[in-house]
Amino acid sequence: MPVKSSKTLYHYQESAIEKLMARMRKFPEHYNLLFQLPTGGGKTVIFSELTRRFIEETGKKVLILTHRIELCGQTSRMLKEIGVPNKIINSKVKELEKDHDHVCFVAMVETLNNRLNDERIGFDELGLVIIDEAHYNSFRKLFGYFENQIILGVTATPLSSNIKLPLKDNYNELIVGESISSLVEQGFLAEAITYSYDVNLRSLKVGISGDYTVSSSERLYGNYLMQEKLLYAYEEKAKGTKTLIFNNGINTSKQVQAMFAEEGYECMHLDNTHSEKEREEILTWFENKPDAILSSVSILTTGFDSPSVETIILNRATKSLTLYHQMIGRGSRVLPNKKKFNVIDLGNNARRFGLWDTHINWAEIFKAPNAYIEGLYTDEEIEEEFVYEYDEEILKRLEGGPSIEFDIAEAYVEVTRNGDRPKLVIDQSIAQHVSVIRYLCEDFWDASDFVKTIEGDISFRVRQYAKCIAKTTENYKNWLQEDYTRKLMSALRQAYADDE
């Protein structure tokens, strides 16, 4: 039998265990519970201590399921720390005879599924099955084997990885733990300081999983402009900090590593093709180097803990709320000298889901996940809100010169009030651009290059104009932007010719 726990629990962890134990006493079998707690809140601590108490109180055995081998090891070690003898069922365990030495088992879902299918493993006196990272649908295949037990799913985000298979179909009840904002306020989690950089995601494609495809992400984030934006964001907000970068493709991550190395920064790349030894060496380097930059591909979203991470860079877009929280959560651990951390968002993710610590009504999401998904902003809606900002270098060069500001909506109201044709707004905008460019550029060739750098501002003005006249089709906006650029180049050519 387990010995008394030696681990000190925080008050919210103790409260969660008591609440879960009370439900399990009320429903001792045939009952599926789901428990939510943010990344960094100590889910493993909670379900390990709950395991100890459950065994002690009921005399029944516990099975804990994970989806990653690293999580198996971490869970097993935690259980041993608090006096729970346990056995890992891995690929080496082909059969499981009557086992009186262990009251707890830890297994990977795929391995256990294979053994159960082969009928080589059975569990006597099993009372509780705990599923870590319960939002993954790979666990669903095992539910039929444990119809007489209590099943406890644990997750930071009770939203199924497959929207067509909602968690409410498999769990009777959701119990919500402490919120991110509360844990931050109490000092249990670090505060995330988020910096968002607008990114046009129109070229991204959504795959069968419901998230953006790797191939379309590689094309967008592998291009020169996005690499430059990443470097600029790092140097502006996070230079010299220990930085973890999340990408959506191996090629992108390797390009990121090469770019930072070329700029003189120590940066390494890690993906799931690295051997266990290589992974260990890279993570040891990352842990020991104060200003290390590690570029990765999703591999570090779970089962990885490095409290010294100071900056998380989302060099990707995702439609998965779970992945969004997992990535940011890697930087949320507190240290005596670390109460805050940076989040640099290069995928419009914070606009899609809200800031990491924004209140989320998990009970409503559990009951009606489709309504939540449908209520999220689309990429088009997000991009409608973009406000173009010139970089500081251009603003410095413009000091004492013409204003860079031009409010399309305001100009539109003025023009229509005077009874003029709406297109006059475009003419006024082009004229203002010409005055700015002439102030900054000596000749037409310099001006031509500069027009390329302000494509974002042209696009922003065109979107605002299209909104004013209620013509928002993509084809029209594309045509309007091309027409605007053509007219701007023509006006500049004429202006510089007049100077000669």
Protein backbone atom coordinates (compact mmCIF):
# COMPACT_ATOMS: atom_id res chain seq x y z
CA MET A 1 0.00 0.00 0.00
CA PRO A 2 1.19 3.58 -0.63
CA VAL A 3 2.91 5.44 2.17
CA LYS A 4 1.83 8.88 3.33
CA SER A 5 2.50 11.61 0.78
CA SER A 6 5.58 13.74 1.40
CA LYS A 7 4.67 16.34 -1.21
CA THR A 8 3.29 19.68 -0.06
CA LEU A 9 0.21 20.69 -2.02
CA TYR A 10 -0.91 24.22 -2.80
CA HIS A 11 -4.37 25.12 -1.50
CA TYR A 12 -6.01 24.97 -4.95
CA GLN A 13 -4.47 21.54 -5.61
CA GLU A 14 -5.79 20.21 -2.29
CA SER A 15 -9.21 21.70 -3.07
CA ALA A 16 -9.27 20.02 -6.50
CA ILE A 17 -8.34 16.61 -5.05
CA GLU A 18 -11.04 16.85 -2.37
CA LYS A 19 -13.65 17.83 -4.98
CA LEU A 20 -12.68 14.96 -7.30
CA MET A 21 -12.58 12.41 -4.46
CA ALA A 22 -16.05 13.52 -3.36
CA ARG A 23 -17.45 12.90 -6.86
CA MET A 24 -15.78 9.48 -7.03
CA ARG A 25 -17.24 8.50 -3.69
CA LYS A 26 -20.68 9.48 -4.97
CA PHE A 27 -20.20 7.62 -8.27
CA PRO A 28 -17.83 4.68 -7.48
CA GLU A 29 -18.16 3.04 -10.91
CA HIS A 30 -19.52 3.58 -14.43
CA TYR A 31 -18.72 7.28 -14.21
CA ASN A 32 -16.51 9.47 -16.38
CA LEU A 33 -15.15 12.73 -14.95
CA LEU A 34 -13.20 15.44 -16.78
CA PHE A 35 -10.94 17.84 -14.85
CA GLN A 36 -9.52 21.08 -16.26
CA LEU A 37 -6.46 22.92 -14.91
CA PRO A 38 -4.11 25.29 -16.81
CA THR A 39 -0.68 24.19 -18.02
CA GLY A 40 1.74 24.80 -15.16
CA GLY A 41 -0.92 24.34 -12.49
CA GLY A 42 0.41 20.91 -11.47
CA LYS A 43 -1.98 18.40 -13.05
CA THR A 44 0.51 15.55 -12.56
CA VAL A 45 0.93 16.43 -8.89
CA ILE A 46 -2.85 16.43 -8.44
CA PHE A 47 -3.65 13.14 -10.14
CA SER A 48 -0.61 11.42 -8.56
CA GLU A 49 -1.72 12.40 -5.05
CA LEU A 50 -5.31 11.54 -5.95
CA THR A 51 -4.05 8.10 -7.06
CA ARG A 52 -2.37 7.59 -3.67
CA ARG A 53 -5.51 8.54 -1.75
CA PHE A 54 -7.82 6.51 -3.98
CA ILE A 55 -5.75 3.34 -3.50
CA GLU A 56 -5.50 3.93 0.23
CA GLU A 57 -9.24 4.55 0.58
CA THR A 58 -10.65 1.88 -1.74
CA GLY A 59 -7.92 -0.78 -1.91
CA LYS A 60 -8.40 -0.82 -5.70
CA LYS A 61 -5.75 -0.35 -8.38
CA VAL A 62 -5.22 2.62 -10.69
CA LEU A 63 -4.20 2.80 -14.35
CA ILE A 64 -2.76 6.04 -15.75
CA LEU A 65 -2.68 6.56 -19.53
CA THR A 66 -0.49 9.02 -21.45
CA HIS A 67 0.10 9.66 -25.16
CA ARG A 68 3.87 10.27 -24.97
CA ILE A 69 6.71 8.12 -23.60
CA GLU A 70 8.22 11.14 -21.79
CA LEU A 71 4.97 11.64 -19.88
CA CYS A 72 5.02 7.98 -18.83
CA GLY A 73 8.44 8.43 -17.22
CA GLN A 74 7.54 11.72 -15.55
CA THR A 75 4.33 10.29 -14.10
CA SER A 76 6.04 7.13 -12.84
CA ARG A 77 8.74 9.16 -11.08
CA MET A 78 6.18 11.44 -9.44
CA LEU A 79 4.22 8.44 -8.16
CA LYS A 80 7.35 6.86 -6.68
CA GLU A 81 8.20 10.17 -4.96
CA ILE A 82 4.96 10.04 -3.00
CA GLY A 83 5.18 6.33 -2.23
CA VAL A 84 3.03 4.72 -4.92
CA PRO A 85 4.68 1.55 -6.35
CA ASN A 86 3.96 1.49 -10.09
CA LYS A 87 4.82 -0.40 -13.23
CA ILE A 88 5.28 1.13 -16.68
CA ILE A 89 3.65 -0.90 -19.43
CA ASN A 90 5.85 -0.15 -22.43
CA SER A 91 6.71 -1.99 -25.65
CA LYS A 92 8.95 -4.41 -23.69
CA VAL A 93 6.02 -5.62 -21.57
CA LYS A 94 4.33 -8.26 -23.72
CA GLU A 95 2.17 -9.87 -21.06
CA LEU A 96 0.92 -8.97 -17.59
CA GLU A 97 0.21 -11.84 -15.26
CA LYS A 98 -1.41 -11.33 -11.87
CA ASP A 99 0.65 -8.58 -10.31
CA HIS A 100 0.43 -8.25 -6.53
CA ASP A 101 3.50 -6.00 -6.22
CA HIS A 102 2.02 -3.01 -8.00
CA VAL A 103 -1.13 -1.07 -7.19
CA CYS A 104 -0.65 1.36 -10.05
CA PHE A 105 0.22 1.06 -13.74
CA VAL A 106 1.37 3.73 -16.20
CA ALA A 107 0.96 3.04 -19.92
CA MET A 108 1.08 4.67 -23.32
CA VAL A 109 -2.25 4.50 -25.08
CA GLU A 110 -1.02 2.74 -28.25
CA THR A 111 0.99 0.10 -26.37
CA LEU A 112 -1.89 -0.69 -24.02
CA ASN A 113 -4.39 -0.83 -26.87
CA ASN A 114 -2.24 -3.41 -28.68
CA ARG A 115 -1.91 -5.58 -25.55
CA LEU A 116 -5.63 -5.39 -24.78
CA ASN A 117 -6.48 -6.35 -28.37
CA ASP A 118 -4.13 -9.35 -28.06
CA GLU A 119 -5.82 -10.20 -24.74
CA ARG A 120 -2.41 -10.46 -23.11
CA ILE A 121 -3.15 -7.95 -20.39
CA GLY A 122 -5.94 -7.73 -17.86
CA PHE A 123 -6.32 -5.75 -14.67
CA ASP A 124 -7.66 -7.26 -11.46
CA GLU A 125 -9.30 -4.99 -8.93
CA LEU A 126 -8.96 -1.92 -11.15
CA GLY A 127 -11.08 0.94 -9.83
CA LEU A 128 -9.80 4.09 -11.55
CA VAL A 129 -8.41 4.96 -14.99
CA ILE A 130 -6.73 8.37 -15.30
CA ILE A 131 -6.21 9.85 -18.77
CA ASP A 132 -3.58 12.60 -19.04
CA GLU A 133 -4.02 15.16 -21.87
CA ALA A 134 -7.56 13.86 -22.25
CA HIS A 135 -8.42 16.14 -25.19
CA TYR A 136 -6.55 13.77 -27.54
CA ASN A 137 -8.93 11.40 -29.32
CA SER A 138 -6.47 8.50 -29.36
CA PHE A 139 -7.81 7.57 -25.89
CA ARG A 140 -11.35 7.07 -27.14
CA LYS A 141 -10.53 3.59 -28.46
CA LEU A 142 -9.86 2.35 -24.90
CA PHE A 143 -13.08 3.46 -23.25
CA GLY A 144 -14.86 0.19 -24.11
CA TYR A 145 -12.37 -1.80 -22.02
CA PHE A 146 -13.11 0.18 -18.85
CA GLU A 147 -16.88 0.45 -18.64
CA ASN A 148 -17.06 -0.63 -14.98
CA GLN A 149 -14.39 1.73 -13.67
CA ILE A 150 -14.29 5.44 -12.92
CA ILE A 151 -12.52 7.28 -15.74
CA LEU A 152 -10.88 10.59 -14.90
CA GLY A 153 -9.70 12.69 -17.85
CA VAL A 154 -7.29 15.53 -17.11
CA THR A 155 -6.54 18.42 -19.49
CA ALA A 156 -5.69 22.11 -19.61
CA THR A 157 -8.18 22.61 -22.45
CA PRO A 158 -11.36 20.49 -22.42
CA LEU A 159 -11.91 20.90 -26.15
CA SER A 160 -11.57 17.77 -28.26
CA SER A 161 -8.76 17.56 -30.83
CA ASN A 162 -11.50 16.48 -33.26
CA ILE A 163 -14.49 18.83 -33.25
CA LYS A 164 -16.67 16.01 -34.66
CA LEU A 165 -16.02 13.94 -31.52
CA PRO A 166 -16.83 16.27 -28.59
CA LEU A 167 -15.64 15.35 -25.08
CA LYS A 168 -19.18 15.60 -23.71
CA ASP A 169 -19.93 12.37 -25.62
CA ASN A 170 -17.47 10.49 -23.38
CA TYR A 171 -17.56 12.33 -20.05
CA ASN A 172 -20.52 12.78 -17.72
CA GLU A 173 -19.23 15.93 -16.06
CA LEU A 174 -16.54 18.63 -16.21
CA ILE A 175 -14.91 19.99 -13.06
CA VAL A 176 -13.08 23.29 -13.64
CA GLY A 177 -9.98 24.11 -11.61
CA GLU A 178 -8.26 27.41 -10.85
CA SER A 179 -8.07 29.89 -13.77
CA ILE A 180 -4.85 31.16 -15.36
CA SER A 181 -5.48 34.73 -14.18
CA SER A 182 -6.03 33.52 -10.61
CA LEU A 183 -2.83 31.44 -10.64
CA VAL A 184 -0.90 34.43 -12.02
CA GLU A 185 -2.39 36.76 -9.42
CA GLN A 186 -1.43 34.36 -6.61
CA GLY A 187 2.11 34.00 -7.96
CA PHE A 188 1.83 30.35 -9.04
CA LEU A 189 2.27 31.20 -12.73
CA ALA A 190 4.30 33.92 -14.46
CA GLU A 191 2.50 36.78 -16.20
CA ALA A 192 2.56 36.70 -20.01
CA ILE A 193 3.42 39.99 -21.72
CA THR A 194 2.12 39.57 -25.28
CA TYR A 195 3.41 41.38 -28.37
CA SER A 196 1.40 40.78 -31.54
CA TYR A 197 2.71 41.46 -35.04
CA ASP A 198 0.09 41.52 -37.79
CA VAL A 199 0.47 38.75 -40.36
CA ASN A 200 -1.56 38.23 -43.54
CA LEU A 201 -2.64 34.57 -43.35
CA ARG A 202 -4.71 34.47 -46.56
CA SER A 203 -2.27 32.04 -48.18
CA LEU A 204 -2.69 29.43 -45.42
CA LYS A 205 -4.81 26.35 -46.11
CA VAL A 206 -6.82 24.43 -43.54
CA GLY A 207 -6.33 20.65 -43.59
CA ILE A 208 -8.52 17.71 -42.62
CA SER A 209 -7.47 18.11 -38.96
CA GLY A 210 -9.06 21.56 -38.88
CA ASP A 211 -5.72 23.32 -38.44
CA TYR A 212 -3.45 25.04 -40.96
CA THR A 213 -1.49 22.63 -43.15
CA VAL A 214 2.26 22.26 -42.75
CA SER A 215 2.87 22.81 -46.47
CA SER A 216 1.05 26.16 -46.63
CA SER A 217 2.67 27.25 -43.34
CA GLU A 218 6.11 26.36 -44.74
CA ARG A 219 5.49 28.55 -47.78
CA LEU A 220 4.37 31.53 -45.69
CA TYR A 221 6.80 31.34 -42.77
CA GLY A 222 9.73 30.22 -44.91
CA ASN A 223 9.69 33.36 -47.04
CA TYR A 224 12.22 36.14 -46.59
CA LEU A 225 9.77 38.77 -45.32
CA MET A 226 8.46 36.54 -42.53
CA GLN A 227 12.00 35.57 -41.52
CA GLU A 228 12.86 39.27 -41.35
CA LYS A 229 9.74 39.96 -39.26
CA LEU A 230 10.73 37.19 -36.83
CA LEU A 231 14.26 38.56 -36.43
CA TYR A 232 12.96 42.11 -36.00
CA ALA A 233 10.45 41.02 -33.34
CA TYR A 234 13.09 39.07 -31.42
CA GLU A 235 15.58 41.95 -31.47
CA GLU A 236 12.91 44.49 -30.56
CA LYS A 237 11.30 42.62 -27.66
CA ALA A 238 13.38 39.64 -26.55
CA LYS A 239 17.07 40.02 -27.43
CA GLY A 240 19.31 38.27 -24.90
CA THR A 241 16.49 36.22 -23.31
CA LYS A 242 16.19 32.44 -23.27
CA THR A 243 13.81 31.92 -26.19
CA LEU A 244 11.70 29.00 -27.39
CA ILE A 245 10.32 29.28 -30.94
CA PHE A 246 7.41 27.16 -32.18
CA ASN A 247 7.09 26.53 -35.94
CA ASN A 248 4.69 24.46 -38.04
CA GLY A 249 7.25 22.74 -40.25
CA ILE A 250 10.73 21.23 -40.05
CA ASN A 251 12.03 23.24 -43.03
CA THR A 252 10.85 26.50 -41.48
CA SER A 253 12.48 25.64 -38.15
CA LYS A 254 15.77 24.82 -39.85
CA GLN A 255 15.62 28.11 -41.79
CA VAL A 256 14.95 29.96 -38.53
CA GLN A 257 17.98 28.31 -36.92
CA ALA A 258 20.18 29.19 -39.90
CA MET A 259 18.99 32.81 -39.94
CA PHE A 260 19.70 33.38 -36.25
CA ALA A 261 23.11 31.68 -36.57
CA GLU A 262 23.94 33.90 -39.55
CA GLU A 263 23.09 36.95 -37.42
CA GLY A 264 25.51 35.78 -34.73
CA TYR A 265 23.01 34.30 -32.26
CA GLU A 266 23.44 30.83 -30.74
CA CYS A 267 20.40 28.90 -31.90
CA MET A 268 19.62 25.19 -32.28
CA HIS A 269 16.82 23.29 -34.01
CA LEU A 270 14.86 20.35 -32.59
CA ASP A 271 12.20 18.14 -34.15
CA ASN A 272 10.86 14.61 -33.73
CA THR A 273 13.42 13.10 -36.12
CA HIS A 274 16.23 13.71 -33.61
CA SER A 275 17.39 10.67 -31.63
CA GLU A 276 16.79 10.52 -27.89
CA LYS A 277 20.50 11.24 -27.30
CA GLU A 278 20.47 14.27 -29.64
CA ARG A 279 17.31 15.58 -28.02
CA GLU A 280 18.86 15.23 -24.56
CA GLU A 281 22.04 17.04 -25.64
CA ILE A 282 20.09 19.91 -27.25
CA LEU A 283 17.80 20.35 -24.24
CA THR A 284 20.77 20.27 -21.84
CA TRP A 285 22.45 23.00 -23.91
CA PHE A 286 19.22 25.00 -23.87
CA GLU A 287 18.82 24.62 -20.12
CA ASN A 288 22.40 25.69 -19.33
CA LYS A 289 22.75 28.66 -21.70
CA PRO A 290 21.06 31.86 -20.40
CA ASP A 291 20.40 33.44 -23.83
CA ALA A 292 19.84 30.24 -25.82
CA ILE A 293 17.40 30.24 -28.74
CA LEU A 294 15.71 26.93 -29.55
CA SER A 295 13.66 26.55 -32.73
CA SER A 296 11.26 23.60 -32.55
CA VAL A 297 8.35 21.92 -34.31
CA SER A 298 5.54 21.14 -31.83
CA ILE A 299 7.64 18.48 -30.08
CA LEU A 300 7.98 20.57 -26.91
CA THR A 301 4.29 21.41 -26.41
CA THR A 302 3.85 18.64 -23.81
CA GLY A 303 6.19 16.68 -21.56
CA PHE A 304 8.77 19.47 -21.51
CA ASP A 305 9.50 21.72 -18.56
CA SER A 306 12.09 24.50 -18.53
CA PRO A 307 11.18 27.17 -15.96
CA SER A 308 14.02 29.43 -17.14
CA VAL A 309 12.33 30.13 -20.53
CA GLU A 310 11.83 33.90 -20.76
CA THR A 311 10.34 34.26 -24.25
CA ILE A 312 7.91 32.17 -26.29
CA ILE A 313 7.69 32.99 -30.00
CA LEU A 314 4.70 31.65 -31.92
CA ASN A 315 6.22 31.62 -35.41
CA ARG A 316 3.08 29.96 -36.69
CA ALA A 317 -0.68 30.30 -36.74
CA THR A 318 -3.00 27.70 -35.27
CA LYS A 319 -6.74 27.17 -35.08
CA SER A 320 -6.26 24.92 -32.02
CA LEU A 321 -6.99 26.59 -28.68
CA THR A 322 -5.28 23.62 -26.99
CA LEU A 323 -2.05 24.07 -28.94
CA TYR A 324 -2.13 27.83 -28.33
CA HIS A 325 -2.31 27.28 -24.56
CA GLN A 326 0.27 24.48 -24.61
CA MET A 327 2.85 26.57 -26.48
CA ILE A 328 2.51 29.63 -24.25
CA GLY A 329 2.37 27.45 -21.14
CA ARG A 330 5.99 26.40 -21.72
CA GLY A 331 7.06 29.83 -20.51
CA SER A 332 4.67 30.16 -17.58
CA ARG A 333 6.73 28.53 -14.80
CA VAL A 334 7.80 30.94 -12.06
CA LEU A 335 11.26 31.35 -10.54
CA PRO A 336 12.41 33.66 -7.74
CA ASN A 337 13.73 36.11 -10.35
CA LYS A 338 11.12 35.39 -13.02
CA LYS A 339 7.58 36.66 -12.53
CA LYS A 340 6.88 37.60 -16.16
CA PHE A 341 7.69 36.22 -19.60
CA ASN A 342 7.35 37.45 -23.20
CA VAL A 343 5.00 36.04 -25.82
CA ILE A 344 5.72 37.16 -29.38
CA ASP A 345 2.78 36.25 -31.60
CA LEU A 346 3.44 36.03 -35.35
CA GLY A 347 0.22 34.20 -36.26
CA ASN A 348 -2.65 36.47 -35.15
CA ASN A 349 -3.31 33.84 -32.46
CA ALA A 350 -3.99 36.28 -29.61
CA ARG A 351 -6.61 38.03 -31.76
CA ARG A 352 -8.20 34.69 -32.60
CA PHE A 353 -8.37 33.27 -29.06
CA GLY A 354 -7.78 36.25 -26.78
CA LEU A 355 -4.78 36.71 -24.52
CA TRP A 356 -3.46 33.61 -22.75
CA ASP A 357 -4.90 34.64 -19.37
CA THR A 358 -8.28 35.80 -20.73
CA HIS A 359 -11.24 34.23 -18.92
CA ILE A 360 -12.62 31.20 -20.75
CA ASN A 361 -15.98 29.65 -19.88
CA TRP A 362 -14.87 26.01 -20.03
CA ALA A 363 -18.25 24.75 -18.82
CA GLU A 364 -19.94 26.33 -21.85
CA ILE A 365 -17.25 25.06 -24.24
CA PHE A 366 -17.66 21.54 -22.83
CA LYS A 367 -21.42 21.68 -23.39
CA ALA A 368 -21.36 23.43 -26.79
CA PRO A 369 -17.91 23.20 -28.45
CA ASN A 370 -19.27 23.94 -31.92
CA ALA A 371 -20.76 27.24 -30.78
CA TYR A 372 -17.37 28.28 -29.39
CA ILE A 373 -15.52 27.34 -32.59
CA GLU A 374 -18.05 29.12 -34.78
CA GLY A 375 -17.77 32.24 -32.61
CA LEU A 376 -14.03 32.66 -33.19
CA TYR A 377 -12.87 35.43 -35.49
CA THR A 378 -12.00 34.33 -39.02
CA ASP A 379 -8.65 35.35 -40.51
CA GLU A 380 -10.47 37.82 -42.75
CA GLU A 381 -12.21 39.46 -39.77
CA ILE A 382 -8.93 39.67 -37.87
CA GLU A 383 -7.15 41.26 -40.80
CA GLU A 384 -9.92 43.84 -41.20
CA GLU A 385 -8.80 45.21 -37.83
CA PHE A 386 -5.11 45.51 -38.72
CA VAL A 387 -3.71 49.02 -38.38
CA TYR A 388 -0.57 49.56 -40.42
CA GLU A 389 2.37 50.98 -38.48
CA TYR A 390 5.56 52.37 -40.05
CA ASP A 391 8.79 51.29 -38.44
CA GLU A 392 10.69 53.70 -36.23
CA GLU A 393 13.47 54.35 -38.76
CA ILE A 394 11.01 55.73 -41.34
CA LEU A 395 9.22 57.81 -38.70
CA LYS A 396 12.55 59.36 -37.64
CA ARG A 397 13.38 60.25 -41.24
CA LEU A 398 9.96 61.90 -41.57
CA GLU A 399 10.42 64.22 -38.58
CA GLY A 400 9.73 67.75 -39.79
CA GLY A 401 8.20 66.44 -43.02
CA PRO A 402 4.67 65.58 -44.19
CA SER A 403 2.37 63.55 -41.94
CA ILE A 404 2.24 59.83 -42.54
CA GLU A 405 -1.32 59.63 -41.20
CA PHE A 406 -4.29 59.39 -43.56
CA ASP A 407 -7.70 58.29 -42.30
CA ILE A 408 -9.58 56.69 -45.20
CA ALA A 409 -12.89 56.45 -43.29
CA GLU A 410 -12.76 60.10 -42.28
CA ALA A 411 -11.86 61.20 -45.81
CA TYR A 412 -14.73 59.08 -47.19
CA VAL A 413 -17.27 60.81 -44.91
CA GLU A 414 -15.94 64.22 -45.99
CA VAL A 415 -16.00 63.39 -49.70
CA THR A 416 -19.52 61.95 -49.71
CA ARG A 417 -20.82 64.83 -47.58
CA ASN A 418 -19.55 67.24 -50.27
CA GLY A 419 -21.28 65.23 -53.00
CA ASP A 420 -18.01 64.17 -54.67
CA ARG A 421 -17.40 60.75 -56.16
CA PRO A 422 -16.03 58.19 -53.62
CA LYS A 423 -12.96 57.47 -55.78
CA LEU A 424 -11.69 60.94 -54.83
CA VAL A 425 -10.64 59.37 -51.50
CA ILE A 426 -8.19 57.11 -53.37
CA ASP A 427 -6.82 60.10 -55.29
CA GLN A 428 -6.28 62.00 -52.03
CA SER A 429 -4.58 59.00 -50.44
CA ILE A 430 -2.24 58.58 -53.43
CA ALA A 431 -1.38 62.29 -53.34
CA GLN A 432 -0.50 62.00 -49.64
CA HIS A 433 1.68 58.96 -50.34
CA VAL A 434 3.45 60.87 -53.10
CA SER A 435 4.29 63.74 -50.74
CA VAL A 436 5.71 61.35 -48.15
CA ILE A 437 7.76 59.38 -50.67
CA ARG A 438 9.16 62.50 -52.35
CA TYR A 439 10.30 63.76 -48.94
CA LEU A 440 12.13 60.48 -48.26
CA CYS A 441 13.47 59.50 -51.70
CA GLU A 442 15.86 61.39 -53.96
CA ASP A 443 14.79 59.93 -57.29
CA PHE A 444 12.19 57.77 -58.95
CA TRP A 445 14.27 54.59 -58.58
CA ASP A 446 14.55 55.03 -54.82
CA ALA A 447 10.84 55.81 -54.75
CA SER A 448 10.03 52.58 -56.66
CA ASP A 449 11.89 50.53 -54.06
CA PHE A 450 10.18 52.38 -51.23
CA VAL A 451 6.71 51.61 -52.63
CA LYS A 452 7.48 47.92 -52.05
CA THR A 453 8.20 48.60 -48.38
CA ILE A 454 4.81 50.27 -47.86
CA GLU A 455 2.70 47.57 -49.50
CA GLY A 456 1.23 46.93 -46.06
CA ASP A 457 0.01 50.52 -45.78
CA ILE A 458 -1.46 50.43 -49.30
CA SER A 459 -3.24 47.17 -48.49
CA PHE A 460 -4.56 48.64 -45.23
CA ARG A 461 -5.94 51.75 -46.97
CA VAL A 462 -7.52 49.68 -49.74
CA ARG A 463 -9.26 47.42 -47.18
CA GLN A 464 -10.58 50.47 -45.35
CA TYR A 465 -11.88 51.98 -48.59
CA ALA A 466 -13.54 48.71 -49.68
CA LYS A 467 -15.25 48.57 -46.30
CA CYS A 468 -16.57 52.13 -46.75
CA ILE A 469 -18.13 51.36 -50.11
CA ALA A 470 -19.34 47.89 -48.95
CA LYS A 471 -17.43 46.01 -51.65
CA THR A 472 -15.46 43.44 -49.75
CA THR A 473 -14.87 40.59 -52.22
CA GLU A 474 -11.27 39.44 -52.42
CA ASN A 475 -11.13 39.88 -56.20
CA TYR A 476 -12.24 43.49 -55.92
CA LYS A 477 -9.75 44.31 -53.16
CA ASN A 478 -6.92 42.67 -55.08
CA TRP A 479 -7.81 44.63 -58.20
CA LEU A 480 -8.11 47.85 -56.19
CA GLN A 481 -4.67 47.35 -54.62
CA GLU A 482 -3.06 46.71 -58.00
CA ASP A 483 -4.81 49.76 -59.44
CA TYR A 484 -3.72 51.90 -56.47
CA THR A 485 -0.08 50.84 -56.87
CA ARG A 486 -0.20 51.49 -60.63
CA LYS A 487 -1.59 55.00 -60.13
CA LEU A 488 0.89 55.73 -57.32
CA MET A 489 3.84 54.71 -59.55
CA SER A 490 2.49 56.85 -62.38
CA ALA A 491 2.06 59.86 -60.07
CA LEU A 492 5.61 59.43 -58.73
CA ARG A 493 7.07 59.15 -62.24
CA GLN A 494 5.32 62.41 -63.20
CA ALA A 495 6.39 64.17 -59.97
CA TYR A 496 10.07 63.33 -60.37
CA ALA A 497 9.93 64.19 -64.12
CA ASP A 498 8.57 67.64 -63.21
CA ASP A 499 11.61 68.18 -60.93
CA GLU A 500 14.05 67.78 -63.83
